[in-house]
Amino acid sequence: MNRFGRVAVCGSISAYNEDPTKLPKATIMQPSIIFNEIKLEGFTVLRWSNPDRWPQAFADLAEWIRSGKGKRAKSHITKGFDKLFDAFIGVLKGENSGKAVVKV
């Protein structure tokens, strides 16, 4: 991570059914975050819940990706309708990064 880097954190579906006291802690990252002065910021879609702000949000996101300031997450593709249940369970277990897609 670059010095003064910023990390946007979103999504916790894999932890919905977990005991919060049993979830991993991020203490191993703490020295790097402190010494590199990294900013971590959580967000939810509710921040953009005002539909009047969506066009600006999409324009900003597209520009960040185009300029290299932001990176698009890769899709996790599961092939076959018969694998739909497995794909859904995989989302709940945190087995994907980015968008989960079932290709039928």
PDB file of N, CA and C in Angstrom:
ATOM      1  N   MET A   1       0.852  -1.180   0.000  1.00  0.00           N
ATOM      2  CA  MET A   1       0.000   0.000   0.000  1.00  0.00           C
ATOM      3  C   MET A   1       0.891   1.235   0.000  1.00  0.00           C
ATOM      4  N   ASN A   2       0.531   2.206  -0.801  1.00  0.00           N
ATOM      5  CA  ASN A   2       1.292   3.447  -0.869  1.00  0.00           C
ATOM      6  C   ASN A   2       1.112   4.282   0.389  1.00  0.00           C
ATOM      7  N   ARG A   3       2.116   5.067   0.681  1.00  0.00           N
ATOM      8  CA  ARG A   3       2.025   5.987   1.814  1.00  0.00           C
ATOM      9  C   ARG A   3       0.856   6.941   1.560  1.00  0.00           C
ATOM     10  N   PHE A   4       0.115   7.246   2.587  1.00  0.00           N
ATOM     11  CA  PHE A   4      -1.082   8.103   2.539  1.00  0.00           C
ATOM     12  C   PHE A   4      -2.179   7.496   1.662  1.00  0.00           C
ATOM     13  N   GLY A   5      -2.124   6.179   1.433  1.00  0.00           N
ATOM     14  CA  GLY A   5      -3.138   5.510   0.620  1.00  0.00           C
ATOM     15  C   GLY A   5      -4.506   5.531   1.287  1.00  0.00           C
ATOM     16  N   ARG A   6      -5.514   5.284   0.490  1.00  0.00           N
ATOM     17  CA  ARG A   6      -6.887   5.233   0.990  1.00  0.00           C
ATOM     18  C   ARG A   6      -7.507   3.905   0.598  1.00  0.00           C
ATOM     19  N   VAL A   7      -8.259   3.324   1.513  1.00  0.00           N
ATOM     20  CA  VAL A   7      -8.915   2.044   1.272  1.00  0.00           C
ATOM     21  C   VAL A   7     -10.400   2.200   1.578  1.00  0.00           C
ATOM     22  N   ALA A   8     -11.240   1.924   0.585  1.00  0.00           N
ATOM     23  CA  ALA A   8     -12.687   1.927   0.791  1.00  0.00           C
ATOM     24  C   ALA A   8     -13.097   0.507   1.156  1.00  0.00           C
ATOM     25  N   VAL A   9     -13.860   0.370   2.218  1.00  0.00           N
ATOM     26  CA  VAL A   9     -14.262  -0.945   2.707  1.00  0.00           C
ATOM     27  C   VAL A   9     -15.780  -1.045   2.650  1.00  0.00           C
ATOM     28  N   CYS A  10     -16.266  -2.062   1.943  1.00  0.00           N
ATOM     29  CA  CYS A  10     -17.705  -2.251   1.804  1.00  0.00           C
ATOM     30  C   CYS A  10     -18.004  -3.742   1.769  1.00  0.00           C
ATOM     31  N   GLY A  11     -19.084  -4.131   2.378  1.00  0.00           N
ATOM     32  CA  GLY A  11     -19.525  -5.514   2.306  1.00  0.00           C
ATOM     33  C   GLY A  11     -19.080  -6.344   3.485  1.00  0.00           C
ATOM     34  N   SER A  12     -20.024  -7.050   4.046  1.00  0.00           N
ATOM     35  CA  SER A  12     -19.708  -7.945   5.163  1.00  0.00           C
ATOM     36  C   SER A  12     -20.652  -9.141   5.159  1.00  0.00           C
ATOM     37  N   ILE A  13     -21.155  -9.481   3.979  1.00  0.00           N
ATOM     38  CA  ILE A  13     -22.160 -10.536   3.889  1.00  0.00           C
ATOM     39  C   ILE A  13     -21.638 -11.863   4.422  1.00  0.00           C
ATOM     40  N   SER A  14     -20.330 -12.121   4.274  1.00  0.00           N
ATOM     41  CA  SER A  14     -19.789 -13.397   4.744  1.00  0.00           C
ATOM     42  C   SER A  14     -19.807 -13.496   6.261  1.00  0.00           C
ATOM     43  N   ALA A  15     -20.015 -12.380   6.944  1.00  0.00           N
ATOM     44  CA  ALA A  15     -20.020 -12.384   8.411  1.00  0.00           C
ATOM     45  C   ALA A  15     -21.422 -12.253   9.003  1.00  0.00           C
ATOM     46  N   TYR A  16     -22.448 -12.205   8.167  1.00  0.00           N
ATOM     47  CA  TYR A  16     -23.810 -12.001   8.663  1.00  0.00           C
ATOM     48  C   TYR A  16     -24.220 -13.012   9.724  1.00  0.00           C
ATOM     49  N   ASN A  17     -23.846 -14.267   9.530  1.00  0.00           N
ATOM     50  CA  ASN A  17     -24.286 -15.324  10.441  1.00  0.00           C
ATOM     51  C   ASN A  17     -23.214 -15.743  11.434  1.00  0.00           C
ATOM     52  N   GLU A  18     -22.178 -14.949  11.568  1.00  0.00           N
ATOM     53  CA  GLU A  18     -21.065 -15.291  12.449  1.00  0.00           C
ATOM     54  C   GLU A  18     -21.177 -14.567  13.786  1.00  0.00           C
ATOM     55  N   ASP A  19     -20.596 -15.171  14.792  1.00  0.00           N
ATOM     56  CA  ASP A  19     -20.476 -14.543  16.102  1.00  0.00           C
ATOM     57  C   ASP A  19     -19.401 -13.460  15.985  1.00  0.00           C
ATOM     58  N   PRO A  20     -19.732 -12.186  16.210  1.00  0.00           N
ATOM     59  CA  PRO A  20     -18.750 -11.108  16.033  1.00  0.00           C
ATOM     60  C   PRO A  20     -17.476 -11.296  16.855  1.00  0.00           C
ATOM     61  N   THR A  21     -17.574 -11.967  17.986  1.00  0.00           N
ATOM     62  CA  THR A  21     -16.380 -12.165  18.810  1.00  0.00           C
ATOM     63  C   THR A  21     -15.432 -13.196  18.204  1.00  0.00           C
ATOM     64  N   LYS A  22     -15.909 -13.961  17.223  1.00  0.00           N
ATOM     65  CA  LYS A  22     -15.078 -14.999  16.606  1.00  0.00           C
ATOM     66  C   LYS A  22     -14.486 -14.561  15.259  1.00  0.00           C
ATOM     67  N   LEU A  23     -14.839 -13.365  14.814  1.00  0.00           N
ATOM     68  CA  LEU A  23     -14.324 -12.879  13.533  1.00  0.00           C
ATOM     69  C   LEU A  23     -12.861 -12.466  13.669  1.00  0.00           C
ATOM     70  N   PRO A  24     -12.079 -12.594  12.584  1.00  0.00           N
ATOM     71  CA  PRO A  24     -10.666 -12.205  12.654  1.00  0.00           C
ATOM     72  C   PRO A  24     -10.517 -10.717  12.936  1.00  0.00           C
ATOM     73  N   LYS A  25      -9.468 -10.388  13.620  1.00  0.00           N
ATOM     74  CA  LYS A  25      -9.169  -8.988  13.931  1.00  0.00           C
ATOM     75  C   LYS A  25      -8.098  -8.495  12.958  1.00  0.00           C
ATOM     76  N   ALA A  26      -8.061  -7.215  12.722  1.00  0.00           N
ATOM     77  CA  ALA A  26      -7.124  -6.641  11.749  1.00  0.00           C
ATOM     78  C   ALA A  26      -5.847  -6.124  12.401  1.00  0.00           C
ATOM     79  N   THR A  27      -5.531  -6.566  13.590  1.00  0.00           N
ATOM     80  CA  THR A  27      -4.373  -6.011  14.297  1.00  0.00           C
ATOM     81  C   THR A  27      -3.060  -6.241  13.569  1.00  0.00           C
ATOM     82  N   ILE A  28      -2.957  -7.290  12.765  1.00  0.00           N
ATOM     83  CA  ILE A  28      -1.716  -7.540  12.035  1.00  0.00           C
ATOM     84  C   ILE A  28      -1.425  -6.414  11.042  1.00  0.00           C
ATOM     85  N   MET A  29      -2.460  -5.716  10.597  1.00  0.00           N
ATOM     86  CA  MET A  29      -2.300  -4.622   9.644  1.00  0.00           C
ATOM     87  C   MET A  29      -2.037  -3.285  10.322  1.00  0.00           C
ATOM     88  N   GLN A  30      -2.278  -3.200  11.602  1.00  0.00           N
ATOM     89  CA  GLN A  30      -2.221  -1.917  12.299  1.00  0.00           C
ATOM     90  C   GLN A  30      -0.896  -1.174  12.134  1.00  0.00           C
ATOM     91  N   PRO A  31       0.269  -1.815  12.312  1.00  0.00           N
ATOM     92  CA  PRO A  31       1.514  -1.050  12.144  1.00  0.00           C
ATOM     93  C   PRO A  31       1.652  -0.440  10.750  1.00  0.00           C
ATOM     94  N   SER A  32       1.309  -1.199   9.705  1.00  0.00           N
ATOM     95  CA  SER A  32       1.401  -0.680   8.343  1.00  0.00           C
ATOM     96  C   SER A  32       0.443   0.490   8.134  1.00  0.00           C
ATOM     97  N   ILE A  33      -0.759   0.368   8.671  1.00  0.00           N
ATOM     98  CA  ILE A  33      -1.749   1.444   8.546  1.00  0.00           C
ATOM     99  C   ILE A  33      -1.235   2.707   9.224  1.00  0.00           C
ATOM    100  N   ILE A  34      -0.677   2.555  10.403  1.00  0.00           N
ATOM    101  CA  ILE A  34      -0.195   3.715  11.161  1.00  0.00           C
ATOM    102  C   ILE A  34       1.030   4.337  10.500  1.00  0.00           C
ATOM    103  N   PHE A  35       2.060   3.531  10.227  1.00  0.00           N
ATOM    104  CA  PHE A  35       3.317   4.080   9.714  1.00  0.00           C
ATOM    105  C   PHE A  35       3.203   4.625   8.298  1.00  0.00           C
ATOM    106  N   ASN A  36       2.289   4.071   7.504  1.00  0.00           N
ATOM    107  CA  ASN A  36       2.074   4.592   6.150  1.00  0.00           C
ATOM    108  C   ASN A  36       0.947   5.613   6.096  1.00  0.00           C
ATOM    109  N   GLU A  37       0.365   5.900   7.249  1.00  0.00           N
ATOM    110  CA  GLU A  37      -0.711   6.894   7.365  1.00  0.00           C
ATOM    111  C   GLU A  37      -1.839   6.621   6.367  1.00  0.00           C
ATOM    112  N   ILE A  38      -2.271   5.381   6.362  1.00  0.00           N
ATOM    113  CA  ILE A  38      -3.330   4.933   5.454  1.00  0.00           C
ATOM    114  C   ILE A  38      -4.698   5.261   6.046  1.00  0.00           C
ATOM    115  N   LYS A  39      -5.610   5.658   5.191  1.00  0.00           N
ATOM    116  CA  LYS A  39      -6.972   5.969   5.623  1.00  0.00           C
ATOM    117  C   LYS A  39      -7.901   4.837   5.192  1.00  0.00           C
ATOM    118  N   LEU A  40      -8.592   4.238   6.159  1.00  0.00           N
ATOM    119  CA  LEU A  40      -9.611   3.220   5.892  1.00  0.00           C
ATOM    120  C   LEU A  40     -10.974   3.865   6.094  1.00  0.00           C
ATOM    121  N   GLU A  41     -11.863   3.684   5.137  1.00  0.00           N
ATOM    122  CA  GLU A  41     -13.200   4.266   5.273  1.00  0.00           C
ATOM    123  C   GLU A  41     -14.249   3.266   4.821  1.00  0.00           C
ATOM    124  N   GLY A  42     -15.155   2.954   5.724  1.00  0.00           N
ATOM    125  CA  GLY A  42     -16.259   2.078   5.383  1.00  0.00           C
ATOM    126  C   GLY A  42     -17.383   2.873   4.737  1.00  0.00           C
ATOM    127  N   PHE A  43     -18.151   2.211   3.881  1.00  0.00           N
ATOM    128  CA  PHE A  43     -19.305   2.882   3.287  1.00  0.00           C
ATOM    129  C   PHE A  43     -20.386   1.869   2.954  1.00  0.00           C
ATOM    130  N   THR A  44     -21.589   2.362   2.812  1.00  0.00           N
ATOM    131  CA  THR A  44     -22.726   1.551   2.392  1.00  0.00           C
ATOM    132  C   THR A  44     -23.452   2.279   1.269  1.00  0.00           C
ATOM    133  N   VAL A  45     -24.300   1.557   0.584  1.00  0.00           N
ATOM    134  CA  VAL A  45     -25.059   2.154  -0.507  1.00  0.00           C
ATOM    135  C   VAL A  45     -26.010   3.237   0.015  1.00  0.00           C
ATOM    136  N   LEU A  46     -26.327   3.184   1.301  1.00  0.00           N
ATOM    137  CA  LEU A  46     -27.238   4.184   1.858  1.00  0.00           C
ATOM    138  C   LEU A  46     -26.693   5.602   1.717  1.00  0.00           C
ATOM    139  N   ARG A  47     -25.378   5.721   1.634  1.00  0.00           N
ATOM    140  CA  ARG A  47     -24.772   7.038   1.441  1.00  0.00           C
ATOM    141  C   ARG A  47     -25.264   7.662   0.135  1.00  0.00           C
ATOM    142  N   TRP A  48     -25.547   6.805  -0.834  1.00  0.00           N
ATOM    143  CA  TRP A  48     -25.978   7.271  -2.146  1.00  0.00           C
ATOM    144  C   TRP A  48     -27.473   7.014  -2.354  1.00  0.00           C
ATOM    145  N   SER A  49     -28.223   6.899  -1.263  1.00  0.00           N
ATOM    146  CA  SER A  49     -29.632   6.527  -1.378  1.00  0.00           C
ATOM    147  C   SER A  49     -30.496   7.605  -2.019  1.00  0.00           C
ATOM    148  N   ASN A  50     -29.992   8.817  -2.106  1.00  0.00           N
ATOM    149  CA  ASN A  50     -30.729   9.876  -2.777  1.00  0.00           C
ATOM    150  C   ASN A  50     -30.513   9.712  -4.287  1.00  0.00           C
ATOM    151  N   PRO A  51     -31.537   9.293  -5.024  1.00  0.00           N
ATOM    152  CA  PRO A  51     -31.374   9.042  -6.461  1.00  0.00           C
ATOM    153  C   PRO A  51     -30.841  10.240  -7.240  1.00  0.00           C
ATOM    154  N   ASP A  52     -31.037  11.447  -6.724  1.00  0.00           N
ATOM    155  CA  ASP A  52     -30.520  12.632  -7.408  1.00  0.00           C
ATOM    156  C   ASP A  52     -28.995  12.641  -7.446  1.00  0.00           C
ATOM    157  N   ARG A  53     -28.360  11.908  -6.526  1.00  0.00           N
ATOM    158  CA  ARG A  53     -26.896  11.889  -6.454  1.00  0.00           C
ATOM    159  C   ARG A  53     -26.281  10.744  -7.261  1.00  0.00           C
ATOM    160  N   TRP A  54     -27.076   9.792  -7.732  1.00  0.00           N
ATOM    161  CA  TRP A  54     -26.542   8.628  -8.437  1.00  0.00           C
ATOM    162  C   TRP A  54     -25.770   8.992  -9.704  1.00  0.00           C
ATOM    163  N   PRO A  55     -26.288   9.886 -10.560  1.00  0.00           N
ATOM    164  CA  PRO A  55     -25.519  10.212 -11.773  1.00  0.00           C
ATOM    165  C   PRO A  55     -24.107  10.713 -11.445  1.00  0.00           C
ATOM    166  N   GLN A  56     -23.982  11.552 -10.430  1.00  0.00           N
ATOM    167  CA  GLN A  56     -22.659  12.048 -10.046  1.00  0.00           C
ATOM    168  C   GLN A  56     -21.803  10.924  -9.479  1.00  0.00           C
ATOM    169  N   ALA A  57     -22.417  10.043  -8.697  1.00  0.00           N
ATOM    170  CA  ALA A  57     -21.672   8.915  -8.122  1.00  0.00           C
ATOM    171  C   ALA A  57     -21.132   8.017  -9.233  1.00  0.00           C
ATOM    172  N   PHE A  58     -21.965   7.672 -10.221  1.00  0.00           N
ATOM    173  CA  PHE A  58     -21.521   6.818 -11.323  1.00  0.00           C
ATOM    174  C   PHE A  58     -20.439   7.510 -12.153  1.00  0.00           C
ATOM    175  N   ALA A  59     -20.596   8.807 -12.370  1.00  0.00           N
ATOM    176  CA  ALA A  59     -19.583   9.554 -13.124  1.00  0.00           C
ATOM    177  C   ALA A  59     -18.254   9.566 -12.373  1.00  0.00           C
ATOM    178  N   ASP A  60     -18.300   9.788 -11.063  1.00  0.00           N
ATOM    179  CA  ASP A  60     -17.077   9.790 -10.250  1.00  0.00           C
ATOM    180  C   ASP A  60     -16.404   8.425 -10.273  1.00  0.00           C
ATOM    181  N   LEU A  61     -17.180   7.364 -10.068  1.00  0.00           N
ATOM    182  CA  LEU A  61     -16.619   6.013 -10.062  1.00  0.00           C
ATOM    183  C   LEU A  61     -15.984   5.671 -11.410  1.00  0.00           C
ATOM    184  N   ALA A  62     -16.668   6.000 -12.490  1.00  0.00           N
ATOM    185  CA  ALA A  62     -16.133   5.716 -13.827  1.00  0.00           C
ATOM    186  C   ALA A  62     -14.825   6.466 -14.052  1.00  0.00           C
ATOM    187  N   GLU A  63     -14.772   7.715 -13.636  1.00  0.00           N
ATOM    188  CA  GLU A  63     -13.549   8.509 -13.799  1.00  0.00           C
ATOM    189  C   GLU A  63     -12.412   7.945 -12.956  1.00  0.00           C
ATOM    190  N   TRP A  64     -12.694   7.515 -11.745  1.00  0.00           N
ATOM    191  CA  TRP A  64     -11.650   6.942 -10.884  1.00  0.00           C
ATOM    192  C   TRP A  64     -11.082   5.669 -11.502  1.00  0.00           C
ATOM    193  N   ILE A  65     -11.945   4.844 -12.071  1.00  0.00           N
ATOM    194  CA  ILE A  65     -11.477   3.614 -12.717  1.00  0.00           C
ATOM    195  C   ILE A  65     -10.671   3.953 -13.968  1.00  0.00           C
ATOM    196  N   ARG A  66     -11.186   4.880 -14.783  1.00  0.00           N
ATOM    197  CA  ARG A  66     -10.500   5.287 -16.013  1.00  0.00           C
ATOM    198  C   ARG A  66      -9.112   5.858 -15.722  1.00  0.00           C
ATOM    199  N   SER A  67      -9.005   6.662 -14.671  1.00  0.00           N
ATOM    200  CA  SER A  67      -7.738   7.332 -14.357  1.00  0.00           C
ATOM    201  C   SER A  67      -6.775   6.455 -13.562  1.00  0.00           C
ATOM    202  N   GLY A  68      -7.250   5.299 -13.118  1.00  0.00           N
ATOM    203  CA  GLY A  68      -6.389   4.422 -12.328  1.00  0.00           C
ATOM    204  C   GLY A  68      -6.439   4.693 -10.837  1.00  0.00           C
ATOM    205  N   LYS A  69      -7.230   5.672 -10.415  1.00  0.00           N
ATOM    206  CA  LYS A  69      -7.365   5.969  -8.980  1.00  0.00           C
ATOM    207  C   LYS A  69      -8.192   4.910  -8.268  1.00  0.00           C
ATOM    208  N   GLY A  70      -9.016   4.229  -8.994  1.00  0.00           N
ATOM    209  CA  GLY A  70      -9.837   3.155  -8.425  1.00  0.00           C
ATOM    210  C   GLY A  70      -9.680   1.918  -9.285  1.00  0.00           C
ATOM    211  N   LYS A  71      -9.887   0.766  -8.702  1.00  0.00           N
ATOM    212  CA  LYS A  71      -9.752  -0.481  -9.446  1.00  0.00           C
ATOM    213  C   LYS A  71     -11.063  -1.248  -9.393  1.00  0.00           C
ATOM    214  N   ARG A  72     -11.437  -1.795 -10.516  1.00  0.00           N
ATOM    215  CA  ARG A  72     -12.658  -2.582 -10.608  1.00  0.00           C
ATOM    216  C   ARG A  72     -12.401  -3.974 -10.044  1.00  0.00           C
ATOM    217  N   ALA A  73     -13.312  -4.443  -9.212  1.00  0.00           N
ATOM    218  CA  ALA A  73     -13.195  -5.804  -8.674  1.00  0.00           C
ATOM    219  C   ALA A  73     -13.528  -6.799  -9.775  1.00  0.00           C
ATOM    220  N   LYS A  74     -12.847  -7.921  -9.770  1.00  0.00           N
ATOM    221  CA  LYS A  74     -13.123  -8.962 -10.754  1.00  0.00           C
ATOM    222  C   LYS A  74     -14.393  -9.711 -10.368  1.00  0.00           C
ATOM    223  N   SER A  75     -15.105 -10.167 -11.375  1.00  0.00           N
ATOM    224  CA  SER A  75     -16.299 -10.972 -11.126  1.00  0.00           C
ATOM    225  C   SER A  75     -15.899 -12.416 -10.852  1.00  0.00           C
ATOM    226  N   HIS A  76     -16.634 -13.045  -9.959  1.00  0.00           N
ATOM    227  CA  HIS A  76     -16.456 -14.467  -9.662  1.00  0.00           C
ATOM    228  C   HIS A  76     -17.586 -15.179 -10.396  1.00  0.00           C
ATOM    229  N   ILE A  77     -17.250 -15.920 -11.452  1.00  0.00           N
ATOM    230  CA  ILE A  77     -18.274 -16.527 -12.308  1.00  0.00           C
ATOM    231  C   ILE A  77     -18.385 -18.020 -12.026  1.00  0.00           C
ATOM    232  N   THR A  78     -19.608 -18.452 -11.734  1.00  0.00           N
ATOM    233  CA  THR A  78     -19.922 -19.870 -11.557  1.00  0.00           C
ATOM    234  C   THR A  78     -20.744 -20.286 -12.766  1.00  0.00           C
ATOM    235  N   LYS A  79     -20.375 -21.390 -13.400  1.00  0.00           N
ATOM    236  CA  LYS A  79     -21.075 -21.832 -14.612  1.00  0.00           C
ATOM    237  C   LYS A  79     -22.095 -22.912 -14.293  1.00  0.00           C
ATOM    238  N   GLY A  80     -23.321 -22.693 -14.772  1.00  0.00           N
ATOM    239  CA  GLY A  80     -24.369 -23.698 -14.669  1.00  0.00           C
ATOM    240  C   GLY A  80     -25.427 -23.388 -13.628  1.00  0.00           C
ATOM    241  N   PHE A  81     -26.685 -23.472 -14.073  1.00  0.00           N
ATOM    242  CA  PHE A  81     -27.815 -23.227 -13.175  1.00  0.00           C
ATOM    243  C   PHE A  81     -27.807 -24.192 -11.993  1.00  0.00           C
ATOM    244  N   ASP A  82     -27.309 -25.406 -12.224  1.00  0.00           N
ATOM    245  CA  ASP A  82     -27.266 -26.407 -11.154  1.00  0.00           C
ATOM    246  C   ASP A  82     -26.278 -26.027 -10.048  1.00  0.00           C
ATOM    247  N   LYS A  83     -25.432 -25.039 -10.298  1.00  0.00           N
ATOM    248  CA  LYS A  83     -24.449 -24.583  -9.305  1.00  0.00           C
ATOM    249  C   LYS A  83     -24.918 -23.322  -8.569  1.00  0.00           C
ATOM    250  N   LEU A  84     -26.166 -22.894  -8.829  1.00  0.00           N
ATOM    251  CA  LEU A  84     -26.694 -21.672  -8.229  1.00  0.00           C
ATOM    252  C   LEU A  84     -26.621 -21.699  -6.706  1.00  0.00           C
ATOM    253  N   PHE A  85     -27.053 -22.799  -6.108  1.00  0.00           N
ATOM    254  CA  PHE A  85     -27.036 -22.910  -4.645  1.00  0.00           C
ATOM    255  C   PHE A  85     -25.606 -22.813  -4.116  1.00  0.00           C
ATOM    256  N   ASP A  86     -24.669 -23.523  -4.761  1.00  0.00           N
ATOM    257  CA  ASP A  86     -23.267 -23.476  -4.338  1.00  0.00           C
ATOM    258  C   ASP A  86     -22.711 -22.057  -4.432  1.00  0.00           C
ATOM    259  N   ALA A  87     -23.077 -21.347  -5.500  1.00  0.00           N
ATOM    260  CA  ALA A  87     -22.603 -19.973  -5.672  1.00  0.00           C
ATOM    261  C   ALA A  87     -23.139 -19.076  -4.560  1.00  0.00           C
ATOM    262  N   PHE A  88     -24.408 -19.238  -4.214  1.00  0.00           N
ATOM    263  CA  PHE A  88     -25.006 -18.427  -3.151  1.00  0.00           C
ATOM    264  C   PHE A  88     -24.333 -18.704  -1.809  1.00  0.00           C
ATOM    265  N   ILE A  89     -24.116 -19.966  -1.500  1.00  0.00           N
ATOM    266  CA  ILE A  89     -23.437 -20.329  -0.256  1.00  0.00           C
ATOM    267  C   ILE A  89     -22.014 -19.769  -0.261  1.00  0.00           C
ATOM    268  N   GLY A  90     -21.370 -19.779  -1.421  1.00  0.00           N
ATOM    269  CA  GLY A  90     -20.026 -19.211  -1.541  1.00  0.00           C
ATOM    270  C   GLY A  90     -20.001 -17.733  -1.198  1.00  0.00           C
ATOM    271  N   VAL A  91     -21.036 -16.991  -1.617  1.00  0.00           N
ATOM    272  CA  VAL A  91     -21.131 -15.569  -1.265  1.00  0.00           C
ATOM    273  C   VAL A  91     -21.236 -15.416   0.248  1.00  0.00           C
ATOM    274  N   LEU A  92     -22.082 -16.227   0.859  1.00  0.00           N
ATOM    275  CA  LEU A  92     -22.261 -16.134   2.312  1.00  0.00           C
ATOM    276  C   LEU A  92     -20.994 -16.513   3.076  1.00  0.00           C
ATOM    277  N   LYS A  93     -20.168 -17.368   2.477  1.00  0.00           N
ATOM    278  CA  LYS A  93     -18.916 -17.786   3.127  1.00  0.00           C
ATOM    279  C   LYS A  93     -17.748 -16.869   2.782  1.00  0.00           C
ATOM    280  N   GLY A  94     -17.984 -15.885   1.909  1.00  0.00           N
ATOM    281  CA  GLY A  94     -16.911 -14.968   1.535  1.00  0.00           C
ATOM    282  C   GLY A  94     -15.920 -15.555   0.551  1.00  0.00           C
ATOM    283  N   GLU A  95     -16.358 -16.492  -0.280  1.00  0.00           N
ATOM    284  CA  GLU A  95     -15.460 -17.155  -1.222  1.00  0.00           C
ATOM    285  C   GLU A  95     -15.224 -16.358  -2.498  1.00  0.00           C
ATOM    286  N   ASN A  96     -15.939 -15.264  -2.686  1.00  0.00           N
ATOM    287  CA  ASN A  96     -15.748 -14.462  -3.884  1.00  0.00           C
ATOM    288  C   ASN A  96     -15.203 -13.084  -3.516  1.00  0.00           C
ATOM    289  N   SER A  97     -14.651 -12.443  -4.507  1.00  0.00           N
ATOM    290  CA  SER A  97     -14.217 -11.058  -4.358  1.00  0.00           C
ATOM    291  C   SER A  97     -14.842 -10.308  -5.522  1.00  0.00           C
ATOM    292  N   GLY A  98     -15.564  -9.256  -5.254  1.00  0.00           N
ATOM    293  CA  GLY A  98     -16.251  -8.553  -6.330  1.00  0.00           C
ATOM    294  C   GLY A  98     -17.633  -9.140  -6.564  1.00  0.00           C
ATOM    295  N   LYS A  99     -18.094  -9.033  -7.800  1.00  0.00           N
ATOM    296  CA  LYS A  99     -19.441  -9.469  -8.152  1.00  0.00           C
ATOM    297  C   LYS A  99     -19.500 -10.984  -8.324  1.00  0.00           C
ATOM    298  N   ALA A 100     -20.514 -11.612  -7.754  1.00  0.00           N
ATOM    299  CA  ALA A 100     -20.742 -13.048  -7.939  1.00  0.00           C
ATOM    300  C   ALA A 100     -21.783 -13.221  -9.044  1.00  0.00           C
ATOM    301  N   VAL A 101     -21.446 -14.006 -10.059  1.00  0.00           N
ATOM    302  CA  VAL A 101     -22.317 -14.204 -11.214  1.00  0.00           C
ATOM    303  C   VAL A 101     -22.497 -15.699 -11.450  1.00  0.00           C
ATOM    304  N   VAL A 102     -23.733 -16.106 -11.757  1.00  0.00           N
ATOM    305  CA  VAL A 102     -23.982 -17.483 -12.179  1.00  0.00           C
ATOM    306  C   VAL A 102     -24.352 -17.422 -13.655  1.00  0.00           C
ATOM    307  N   LYS A 103     -23.528 -18.060 -14.477  1.00  0.00           N
ATOM    308  CA  LYS A 103     -23.751 -18.059 -15.920  1.00  0.00           C
ATOM    309  C   LYS A 103     -24.527 -19.316 -16.292  1.00  0.00           C
ATOM    310  N   VAL A 104     -25.728 -19.106 -16.888  1.00  0.00           N
ATOM    311  CA  VAL A 104     -26.565 -20.248 -17.262  1.00  0.00           C
ATOM    312  C   VAL A 104     -26.630 -20.402 -18.767  1.00  0.00           C
TER     313      VAL A 104
END
